[in-house]
């Protein structure tokens, strides 16, 4: 099971990629898929005229997977380097969301204004695109993998950020709220940050427990009154009851 999970983290879920025999063939197919998506699902479908803007925007978005992306910051950085309007920028971003090449997670807040004012976290539709075309950061690849599973299991997904940060807060179809932290490996350098982030999210939402999803570590810990369970994601995903 762990071997299958490693293959998925490495190469994503496209059948043709997984069935190809060599790494060269797999990467070639992923690049061909991305080119096809760019032209057919975006340029042709939405009749995009500023192809350069779309190219630069996609490169920035895909490079920023599993992290926050600000359209305002993009505008400030690029608007003097080549011509484009703010309207085009926001419209192209909407097209990318509509195409489902990217998905976004907003900050949890009772106010829709605050949700939209804060940068969204961006995730890609396939982990193969993440790892082999943009970044080998296994922590970010794991977080993107977790997102793709959580979106199947939840009604809504948010991230929490105040003094600390918690990667995901999901609202299940039953209405239950669960905070999830994602880290490839818990170690002395990050434990305090990961525990504190999930503790703050729990206390903000009046919850008593949260989950840390890792690559291969397990533990149960009580941290400042919050019950925290760390479990390997590949093991957690096998739970047919779909409960943390």
Protein backbone atom coordinates (compact mmCIF):
# COMPACT_ATOMS: atom_id res chain seq x y z
CA UNK A 1 0.00 0.00 0.00
CA UNK A 2 2.82 2.38 0.89
CA UNK A 3 4.49 1.62 -2.43
CA UNK A 4 1.30 2.54 -4.33
CA UNK A 5 1.05 5.74 -2.33
CA UNK A 6 4.65 6.62 -3.19
CA UNK A 7 3.88 6.10 -6.87
CA UNK A 8 0.87 8.40 -6.61
CA UNK A 9 2.86 11.10 -4.78
CA UNK A 10 5.58 10.79 -7.41
CA UNK A 11 3.57 10.63 -10.61
CA UNK A 12 -0.02 11.64 -9.89
CA UNK A 13 -3.14 9.90 -11.12
CA UNK A 14 -3.12 10.07 -14.93
CA UNK A 15 -3.37 6.41 -16.11
CA UNK A 16 -1.13 6.88 -19.16
CA UNK A 17 1.62 8.34 -16.97
CA UNK A 18 1.44 5.52 -14.43
CA UNK A 19 1.48 2.83 -17.13
CA UNK A 20 4.51 4.27 -18.94
CA UNK A 21 7.71 2.34 -18.32
CA UNK A 22 10.42 4.99 -18.10
CA UNK A 23 10.79 8.24 -16.19
CA UNK A 24 11.53 10.04 -19.45
CA UNK A 25 8.20 8.89 -20.95
CA UNK A 26 6.27 9.84 -17.82
CA UNK A 27 7.69 13.39 -17.72
CA UNK A 28 7.15 13.79 -21.47
CA UNK A 29 3.46 12.84 -21.12
CA UNK A 30 2.96 15.21 -18.19
CA UNK A 31 4.41 18.09 -20.24
CA UNK A 32 2.21 17.17 -23.21
CA UNK A 33 -0.86 17.08 -20.97
CA UNK A 34 -0.07 20.49 -19.52
CA UNK A 35 0.45 21.99 -22.99
CA UNK A 36 -2.85 20.49 -24.17
CA UNK A 37 -4.67 21.84 -21.11
CA UNK A 38 -3.14 25.28 -21.68
CA UNK A 39 -4.30 25.59 -25.29
CA UNK A 40 -7.52 23.56 -25.36
CA UNK A 41 -8.93 24.13 -21.86
CA UNK A 42 -7.88 27.77 -21.60
CA UNK A 43 -6.71 29.62 -24.73
CA UNK A 44 -9.23 28.07 -27.15
CA UNK A 45 -12.12 27.54 -24.74
CA UNK A 46 -12.08 31.08 -23.32
CA UNK A 47 -10.71 32.81 -26.46
CA UNK A 48 -7.80 34.28 -24.56
CA UNK A 49 -5.96 37.06 -26.39
CA UNK A 50 -3.16 37.93 -23.94
CA UNK A 51 -1.40 34.57 -24.06
CA UNK A 52 1.76 36.00 -22.48
CA UNK A 53 -0.17 37.08 -19.38
CA UNK A 54 -1.73 33.64 -19.08
CA UNK A 55 1.68 31.97 -19.48
CA UNK A 56 3.32 34.08 -16.76
CA UNK A 57 0.32 33.75 -14.48
CA UNK A 58 0.15 29.96 -14.83
CA UNK A 59 3.89 29.65 -14.18
CA UNK A 60 3.53 31.70 -10.99
CA UNK A 61 0.43 29.84 -9.82
CA UNK A 62 1.84 26.39 -10.51
CA UNK A 63 5.15 27.29 -8.84
CA UNK A 64 3.17 28.49 -5.80
CA UNK A 65 1.15 25.30 -5.24
CA UNK A 66 0.36 24.55 -1.59
CA UNK A 67 1.07 28.16 -0.64
CA UNK A 68 -0.69 31.53 -0.66
CA UNK A 69 -1.02 33.43 -3.94
CA UNK A 70 -1.96 37.11 -4.14
CA UNK A 71 -3.31 38.61 -7.37
CA UNK A 72 -2.55 42.07 -5.96
CA UNK A 73 1.11 41.15 -5.45
CA UNK A 74 1.24 39.69 -8.96
CA UNK A 75 -0.16 42.93 -10.36
CA UNK A 76 2.37 45.07 -8.49
CA UNK A 77 5.27 42.90 -9.64
CA UNK A 78 4.37 42.54 -13.34
CA UNK A 79 2.14 45.39 -14.52
CA UNK A 80 5.08 47.59 -15.53
CA UNK A 81 6.94 44.73 -17.24
CA UNK A 82 4.33 44.01 -19.92
CA UNK A 83 0.85 45.40 -20.70
CA UNK A 84 -2.27 43.89 -19.14
CA UNK A 85 -5.28 45.14 -17.23
CA UNK A 86 -6.44 44.20 -13.75
CA UNK A 87 -9.70 43.03 -15.26
CA UNK A 88 -7.83 40.57 -17.50
CA UNK A 89 -5.77 39.35 -14.56
CA UNK A 90 -8.79 38.56 -12.40
CA UNK A 91 -10.71 37.12 -15.36
CA UNK A 92 -7.86 34.77 -16.32
CA UNK A 93 -7.59 33.62 -12.73
CA UNK A 94 -11.31 32.79 -12.81
CA UNK A 95 -10.76 30.86 -16.04
CA UNK A 96 -8.03 28.80 -14.37
CA UNK A 97 -10.39 27.94 -11.52
CA UNK A 98 -13.20 27.11 -13.97
CA UNK A 99 -10.87 24.81 -15.92
CA UNK A 100 -10.11 22.98 -12.62
CA UNK A 101 -6.37 23.03 -13.31
CA UNK A 102 -6.05 24.83 -9.99
CA UNK A 103 -8.20 24.94 -6.86
CA UNK A 104 -8.15 27.50 -4.09
CA UNK A 105 -8.64 27.39 -0.33
CA UNK A 106 -9.71 30.56 1.46
CA UNK A 107 -9.00 31.70 5.00
CA UNK A 108 -11.70 30.67 7.45
CA UNK A 109 -13.80 33.65 8.53
CA UNK A 110 -17.43 34.44 9.20
CA UNK A 111 -17.05 37.45 6.89
CA UNK A 112 -17.02 36.80 3.13
CA UNK A 113 -15.22 40.14 2.73
CA UNK A 114 -12.35 38.94 4.94
CA UNK A 115 -12.23 35.60 3.13
CA UNK A 116 -11.87 37.29 -0.24
CA UNK A 117 -9.51 40.01 0.98
CA UNK A 118 -6.91 37.51 2.21
CA UNK A 119 -4.78 35.58 -0.32
CA UNK A 120 -6.03 32.12 -1.28
CA UNK A 121 -3.88 29.02 -1.00
CA UNK A 122 -3.54 27.35 -4.39
CA UNK A 123 -3.45 23.63 -5.16
CA UNK A 124 -2.95 21.74 -8.44
CA UNK A 125 -5.26 19.09 -9.81
CA UNK A 126 -2.53 16.43 -10.06
CA UNK A 127 0.53 15.64 -7.95
CA UNK A 128 2.58 14.58 -10.99
CA UNK A 129 2.35 18.14 -12.30
CA UNK A 130 3.47 19.39 -8.87
CA UNK A 131 6.53 17.24 -8.40
CA UNK A 132 8.02 16.79 -11.84
CA UNK A 133 7.25 20.09 -13.50
CA UNK A 134 7.48 22.56 -10.63
CA UNK A 135 8.96 21.44 -7.29
CA UNK A 136 10.53 18.47 -5.52
CA UNK A 137 9.53 19.85 -2.10
CA UNK A 138 7.98 16.71 -0.63
CA UNK A 139 6.21 18.66 2.12
CA UNK A 140 4.33 20.74 -0.43
CA UNK A 141 3.62 17.70 -2.61
CA UNK A 142 2.18 15.88 0.42
CA UNK A 143 0.03 18.91 1.30
CA UNK A 144 -1.31 19.04 -2.27
CA UNK A 145 -2.02 15.29 -2.09
CA UNK A 146 -3.92 15.76 1.18
CA UNK A 147 -5.97 18.58 -0.34
CA UNK A 148 -7.06 16.40 -3.27
CA UNK A 149 -8.39 13.80 -0.84
CA UNK A 150 -10.02 16.25 1.57
CA UNK A 151 -11.99 17.90 -1.25
CA UNK A 152 -13.71 14.53 -1.81
CA UNK A 153 -14.59 14.17 1.86
CA UNK A 154 -15.77 17.64 2.78
CA UNK A 155 -18.40 20.21 2.03
CA UNK A 156 -16.00 23.14 2.49
CA UNK A 157 -12.25 23.56 3.02
CA UNK A 158 -10.50 26.55 4.60
CA UNK A 159 -7.12 27.38 6.07
CA UNK A 160 -6.68 29.00 9.49
CA UNK A 161 -4.22 31.82 10.13
CA UNK A 162 -3.93 34.17 13.06
CA UNK A 163 -0.85 34.05 15.30
CA UNK A 164 -0.19 30.56 13.97
CA UNK A 165 -1.38 28.65 10.92
CA UNK A 166 -3.29 25.42 10.38
CA UNK A 167 -3.21 24.05 6.84
CA UNK A 168 -6.83 22.90 6.55
CA UNK A 169 -10.10 23.20 8.41
CA UNK A 170 -12.76 21.09 6.75
CA UNK A 171 -16.50 21.03 7.18
CA UNK A 172 -17.69 17.49 6.56
CA UNK A 173 -21.00 16.77 4.86
CA UNK A 174 -22.31 15.89 8.34
CA UNK A 175 -21.46 19.42 9.48
CA UNK A 176 -18.56 18.34 11.70
CA UNK A 177 -15.49 20.61 11.62
CA UNK A 178 -11.97 19.07 11.71
CA UNK A 179 -8.60 20.87 11.63
CA UNK A 180 -5.74 19.20 9.76
CA UNK A 181 -2.07 20.05 9.84
CA UNK A 182 0.20 18.56 7.16
CA UNK A 183 3.92 17.99 7.59
CA UNK A 184 6.16 15.51 5.85
CA UNK A 185 8.04 14.87 9.09
CA UNK A 186 7.63 16.04 12.68
CA UNK A 187 11.00 16.99 14.17
CA UNK A 188 12.34 19.20 16.99
CA UNK A 189 12.54 22.13 14.57
CA UNK A 190 8.86 22.17 13.61
CA UNK A 191 6.89 20.34 16.33
CA UNK A 192 6.07 23.45 18.36
CA UNK A 193 4.85 25.33 15.28
CA UNK A 194 2.70 22.43 14.04
CA UNK A 195 1.16 21.74 17.46
CA UNK A 196 0.52 25.44 18.18
CA UNK A 197 -1.18 26.00 14.82
CA UNK A 198 -3.61 23.15 15.30
CA UNK A 199 -4.20 24.13 18.94
CA UNK A 200 -5.14 27.69 17.95
CA UNK A 201 -7.50 26.48 15.23
CA UNK A 202 -9.19 24.10 17.68
CA UNK A 203 -9.67 26.78 20.33
CA UNK A 204 -10.99 29.28 17.77
CA UNK A 205 -13.58 26.73 16.62
CA UNK A 206 -14.31 25.33 20.11
CA UNK A 207 -12.96 21.90 19.17
CA UNK A 208 -11.14 19.41 21.40
CA UNK A 209 -9.07 17.50 18.85
CA UNK A 210 -7.17 17.82 15.61
CA UNK A 211 -5.15 15.71 13.19
CA UNK A 212 -1.61 15.99 11.86
CA UNK A 213 -1.05 14.07 8.62
CA UNK A 214 2.54 12.97 8.03
CA UNK A 215 4.40 10.76 5.60
CA UNK A 216 5.28 7.99 8.04
CA UNK A 217 4.95 9.07 11.69
CA UNK A 218 2.34 8.31 14.33
CA UNK A 219 1.78 9.75 17.79
CA UNK A 220 -0.96 10.81 20.17
CA UNK A 221 -0.34 13.92 22.25
CA UNK A 222 -2.26 16.27 24.52
CA UNK A 223 -1.11 19.82 23.85
CA UNK A 224 -2.49 22.62 26.01
CA UNK A 225 -5.75 20.73 26.47
CA UNK A 226 -6.11 19.72 22.79
CA UNK A 227 -5.96 16.06 21.76
CA UNK A 228 -3.70 15.77 18.73
CA UNK A 229 -3.27 12.62 16.67
CA UNK A 230 -0.49 12.32 14.09
CA UNK A 231 -0.94 9.58 11.51
CA UNK A 232 0.63 8.74 8.13
CA UNK A 233 -1.61 10.03 5.37
CA UNK A 234 -1.43 6.77 3.41
CA UNK A 235 -2.75 4.96 6.49
CA UNK A 236 -5.41 7.54 7.29
CA UNK A 237 -6.77 7.44 3.76
CA UNK A 238 -7.53 3.71 4.12
CA UNK A 239 -10.08 4.36 6.81
CA UNK A 240 -13.32 3.33 5.10
CA UNK A 241 -15.35 5.13 7.72
CA UNK A 242 -13.93 8.42 6.42
CA UNK A 243 -13.31 9.68 9.91
CA UNK A 244 -10.12 11.25 11.28
